[in-house]
Amino acid sequence: DYPEICAGAFRFKVDEDSFPMKLIEKLANFRASVLKMPYGDQAIFLKKELFFKAGGFAEIPIMEDFEFIRRIKKYGKIFIAPFPALTSARRWKKNGFLKTTLINQLIIMGYYLRVPPAKLRDWYNK
């Protein structure tokens, strides 16, 4: 038992072996490991009691995983397991590596700038 750890997630892995996807993996794993900011596609895990104590996921149409991790970090450290959670490259294949990555970063910036979540969801779905 590690009382300083409040939650965890797995390493990010994409089901595509191209150079752009390997770069995305490296950047996502750097973010998760160094900044302790895993996203939902990294299979976040924690005890049920802490989930409810922290208020659960916000009722927002997008960024609920991001917002939740920011909130629970005050309860302890986030552990990144050395095993991968596999995610699909479907959106990157459909919309292109650059466009998908830029939209994702725009959504994060919009979140920090308090753009309404419904608007962020619209950006994501374009």
C-alpha atoms as a PDB file:
ATOM      1  CA  ASP A   1       0.000   0.000   0.000  1.00  0.00           C
ATOM      2  CA  TYR A   2       1.301   3.457  -0.963  1.00  0.00           C
ATOM      3  CA  PRO A   3      -0.653   6.107   0.966  1.00  0.00           C
ATOM      4  CA  GLU A   4       0.924   8.985  -0.984  1.00  0.00           C
ATOM      5  CA  ILE A   5      -0.612   7.676  -4.229  1.00  0.00           C
ATOM      6  CA  CYS A   6      -4.234   8.649  -4.788  1.00  0.00           C
ATOM      7  CA  ALA A   7      -4.765   7.388  -8.336  1.00  0.00           C
ATOM      8  CA  GLY A   8      -3.065   5.918 -11.331  1.00  0.00           C
ATOM      9  CA  ALA A   9      -3.204   5.404 -15.056  1.00  0.00           C
ATOM     10  CA  PHE A  10      -1.474   3.335 -17.693  1.00  0.00           C
ATOM     11  CA  ARG A  11       1.051   4.425 -20.288  1.00  0.00           C
ATOM     12  CA  PHE A  12      -0.416   5.732 -23.536  1.00  0.00           C
ATOM     13  CA  LYS A  13      -0.118   3.514 -26.613  1.00  0.00           C
ATOM     14  CA  VAL A  14      -1.719   3.906 -30.029  1.00  0.00           C
ATOM     15  CA  ASP A  15      -2.671   0.980 -32.272  1.00  0.00           C
ATOM     16  CA  GLU A  16      -0.597   2.447 -35.121  1.00  0.00           C
ATOM     17  CA  ASP A  17       3.178   2.183 -35.541  1.00  0.00           C
ATOM     18  CA  SER A  18       3.795   5.217 -37.762  1.00  0.00           C
ATOM     19  CA  PHE A  19       6.303   7.908 -36.810  1.00  0.00           C
ATOM     20  CA  PRO A  20       3.614  10.544 -36.037  1.00  0.00           C
ATOM     21  CA  MET A  21       1.789   8.145 -33.705  1.00  0.00           C
ATOM     22  CA  LYS A  22       5.030   7.177 -31.954  1.00  0.00           C
ATOM     23  CA  LEU A  23       5.674  10.896 -31.434  1.00  0.00           C
ATOM     24  CA  ILE A  24       2.180  11.349 -29.954  1.00  0.00           C
ATOM     25  CA  GLU A  25       2.851   8.401 -27.627  1.00  0.00           C
ATOM     26  CA  LYS A  26       6.157   9.898 -26.457  1.00  0.00           C
ATOM     27  CA  LEU A  27       4.602  13.313 -25.807  1.00  0.00           C
ATOM     28  CA  ALA A  28       1.554  11.873 -24.023  1.00  0.00           C
ATOM     29  CA  ASN A  29       3.716   9.654 -21.831  1.00  0.00           C
ATOM     30  CA  PHE A  30       5.994  12.597 -21.023  1.00  0.00           C
ATOM     31  CA  ARG A  31       2.929  14.648 -20.014  1.00  0.00           C
ATOM     32  CA  ALA A  32       1.582  11.829 -17.872  1.00  0.00           C
ATOM     33  CA  SER A  33       4.904  10.949 -16.234  1.00  0.00           C
ATOM     34  CA  VAL A  34       6.328  14.420 -15.650  1.00  0.00           C
ATOM     35  CA  LEU A  35       3.216  16.579 -15.263  1.00  0.00           C
ATOM     36  CA  LYS A  36       1.141  13.747 -13.747  1.00  0.00           C
ATOM     37  CA  MET A  37      -1.726  14.559 -16.132  1.00  0.00           C
ATOM     38  CA  PRO A  38      -2.982  11.343 -17.711  1.00  0.00           C
ATOM     39  CA  TYR A  39      -6.122  11.527 -19.817  1.00  0.00           C
ATOM     40  CA  GLY A  40      -9.090   9.170 -19.880  1.00  0.00           C
ATOM     41  CA  ASP A  41      -7.695   7.069 -22.722  1.00  0.00           C
ATOM     42  CA  GLN A  42      -4.959   6.019 -20.294  1.00  0.00           C
ATOM     43  CA  ALA A  43      -7.498   4.107 -18.166  1.00  0.00           C
ATOM     44  CA  ILE A  44      -7.409   6.183 -14.982  1.00  0.00           C
ATOM     45  CA  PHE A  45      -7.930   4.142 -11.825  1.00  0.00           C
ATOM     46  CA  LEU A  46      -8.520   5.013  -8.168  1.00  0.00           C
ATOM     47  CA  LYS A  47     -10.479   3.823  -5.163  1.00  0.00           C
ATOM     48  CA  LYS A  48     -14.222   4.320  -5.343  1.00  0.00           C
ATOM     49  CA  GLU A  49     -14.211   6.222  -2.046  1.00  0.00           C
ATOM     50  CA  LEU A  50     -11.836   8.858  -3.429  1.00  0.00           C
ATOM     51  CA  PHE A  51     -13.816   9.112  -6.659  1.00  0.00           C
ATOM     52  CA  PHE A  52     -16.927  10.100  -4.686  1.00  0.00           C
ATOM     53  CA  LYS A  53     -15.009  12.201  -2.129  1.00  0.00           C
ATOM     54  CA  ALA A  54     -13.582  14.232  -5.013  1.00  0.00           C
ATOM     55  CA  GLY A  55     -17.053  14.729  -6.483  1.00  0.00           C
ATOM     56  CA  GLY A  56     -16.809  12.264  -9.368  1.00  0.00           C
ATOM     57  CA  PHE A  57     -16.724  13.384 -12.974  1.00  0.00           C
ATOM     58  CA  ALA A  58     -18.145  16.809 -13.739  1.00  0.00           C
ATOM     59  CA  GLU A  59     -21.329  16.831 -15.822  1.00  0.00           C
ATOM     60  CA  ILE A  60     -19.648  18.395 -18.839  1.00  0.00           C
ATOM     61  CA  PRO A  61     -19.702  17.088 -22.425  1.00  0.00           C
ATOM     62  CA  ILE A  62     -15.891  17.022 -22.832  1.00  0.00           C
ATOM     63  CA  MET A  63     -12.728  17.377 -20.726  1.00  0.00           C
ATOM     64  CA  GLU A  64     -14.289  15.598 -17.726  1.00  0.00           C
ATOM     65  CA  ASP A  65     -11.199  13.385 -17.387  1.00  0.00           C
ATOM     66  CA  PHE A  66      -8.837  16.375 -17.577  1.00  0.00           C
ATOM     67  CA  GLU A  67     -10.862  18.339 -15.039  1.00  0.00           C
ATOM     68  CA  PHE A  68     -11.102  15.329 -12.698  1.00  0.00           C
ATOM     69  CA  ILE A  69      -7.349  14.654 -12.692  1.00  0.00           C
ATOM     70  CA  ARG A  70      -6.645  18.315 -11.940  1.00  0.00           C
ATOM     71  CA  ARG A  71      -9.051  18.066  -8.990  1.00  0.00           C
ATOM     72  CA  ILE A  72      -7.775  14.815  -7.465  1.00  0.00           C
ATOM     73  CA  LYS A  73      -4.092  15.772  -7.588  1.00  0.00           C
ATOM     74  CA  LYS A  74      -4.627  17.598  -4.284  1.00  0.00           C
ATOM     75  CA  TYR A  75      -5.277  14.202  -2.628  1.00  0.00           C
ATOM     76  CA  GLY A  76      -1.911  12.714  -3.539  1.00  0.00           C
ATOM     77  CA  LYS A  77       0.369  11.563  -6.309  1.00  0.00           C
ATOM     78  CA  ILE A  78      -0.696  10.062  -9.618  1.00  0.00           C
ATOM     79  CA  PHE A  79       1.059   6.773 -10.407  1.00  0.00           C
ATOM     80  CA  ILE A  80       1.743   5.921 -14.053  1.00  0.00           C
ATOM     81  CA  ALA A  81       1.887   2.144 -14.463  1.00  0.00           C
ATOM     82  CA  PRO A  82       4.566   0.792 -16.804  1.00  0.00           C
ATOM     83  CA  PHE A  83       1.958  -1.122 -18.822  1.00  0.00           C
ATOM     84  CA  PRO A  84       0.137   0.411 -21.803  1.00  0.00           C
ATOM     85  CA  ALA A  85      -3.534   1.109 -22.364  1.00  0.00           C
ATOM     86  CA  LEU A  86      -4.130   0.769 -26.090  1.00  0.00           C
ATOM     87  CA  THR A  87      -6.095   3.513 -27.799  1.00  0.00           C
ATOM     88  CA  SER A  88      -7.291   3.762 -31.375  1.00  0.00           C
ATOM     89  CA  ALA A  89      -5.619   5.970 -33.970  1.00  0.00           C
ATOM     90  CA  ARG A  90      -9.000   6.241 -35.732  1.00  0.00           C
ATOM     91  CA  ARG A  91      -9.424  10.030 -35.320  1.00  0.00           C
ATOM     92  CA  TRP A  92      -5.828  10.731 -36.379  1.00  0.00           C
ATOM     93  CA  LYS A  93      -6.295   8.517 -39.458  1.00  0.00           C
ATOM     94  CA  LYS A  94      -9.641  10.093 -40.340  1.00  0.00           C
ATOM     95  CA  ASN A  95      -8.754  13.759 -39.755  1.00  0.00           C
ATOM     96  CA  GLY A  96      -4.980  13.704 -40.150  1.00  0.00           C
ATOM     97  CA  PHE A  97      -2.204  13.794 -37.587  1.00  0.00           C
ATOM     98  CA  LEU A  98      -1.606  17.548 -37.623  1.00  0.00           C
ATOM     99  CA  LYS A  99      -5.258  18.645 -37.651  1.00  0.00           C
ATOM    100  CA  THR A 100      -6.259  16.240 -34.860  1.00  0.00           C
ATOM    101  CA  THR A 101      -3.301  17.225 -32.694  1.00  0.00           C
ATOM    102  CA  LEU A 102      -3.930  20.949 -33.222  1.00  0.00           C
ATOM    103  CA  ILE A 103      -7.635  20.589 -32.404  1.00  0.00           C
ATOM    104  CA  ASN A 104      -6.774  18.671 -29.228  1.00  0.00           C
ATOM    105  CA  GLN A 105      -4.373  21.415 -28.131  1.00  0.00           C
ATOM    106  CA  LEU A 106      -6.893  24.130 -29.047  1.00  0.00           C
ATOM    107  CA  ILE A 107      -9.481  22.413 -26.836  1.00  0.00           C
ATOM    108  CA  ILE A 108      -7.055  22.355 -23.896  1.00  0.00           C
ATOM    109  CA  MET A 109      -6.279  26.053 -24.397  1.00  0.00           C
ATOM    110  CA  GLY A 110      -9.995  26.779 -24.680  1.00  0.00           C
ATOM    111  CA  TYR A 111     -10.617  24.914 -21.432  1.00  0.00           C
ATOM    112  CA  TYR A 112      -8.052  27.095 -19.616  1.00  0.00           C
ATOM    113  CA  LEU A 113      -9.581  30.196 -21.204  1.00  0.00           C
ATOM    114  CA  ARG A 114     -13.012  29.091 -19.903  1.00  0.00           C
ATOM    115  CA  VAL A 115     -14.593  28.487 -23.290  1.00  0.00           C
ATOM    116  CA  PRO A 116     -17.961  26.790 -22.573  1.00  0.00           C
ATOM    117  CA  PRO A 117     -17.634  22.972 -22.640  1.00  0.00           C
ATOM    118  CA  ALA A 118     -20.399  22.664 -25.259  1.00  0.00           C
ATOM    119  CA  LYS A 119     -18.318  24.840 -27.591  1.00  0.00           C
ATOM    120  CA  LEU A 120     -15.222  22.715 -26.903  1.00  0.00           C
ATOM    121  CA  ARG A 121     -17.254  19.612 -27.760  1.00  0.00           C
ATOM    122  CA  ASP A 122     -18.273  21.234 -31.052  1.00  0.00           C
ATOM    123  CA  TRP A 123     -14.611  21.881 -31.885  1.00  0.00           C
ATOM    124  CA  TYR A 124     -13.802  18.252 -31.090  1.00  0.00           C
ATOM    125  CA  ASN A 125     -16.600  16.933 -33.300  1.00  0.00           C
ATOM    126  CA  LYS A 126     -15.660  19.025 -36.366  1.00  0.00           C
END
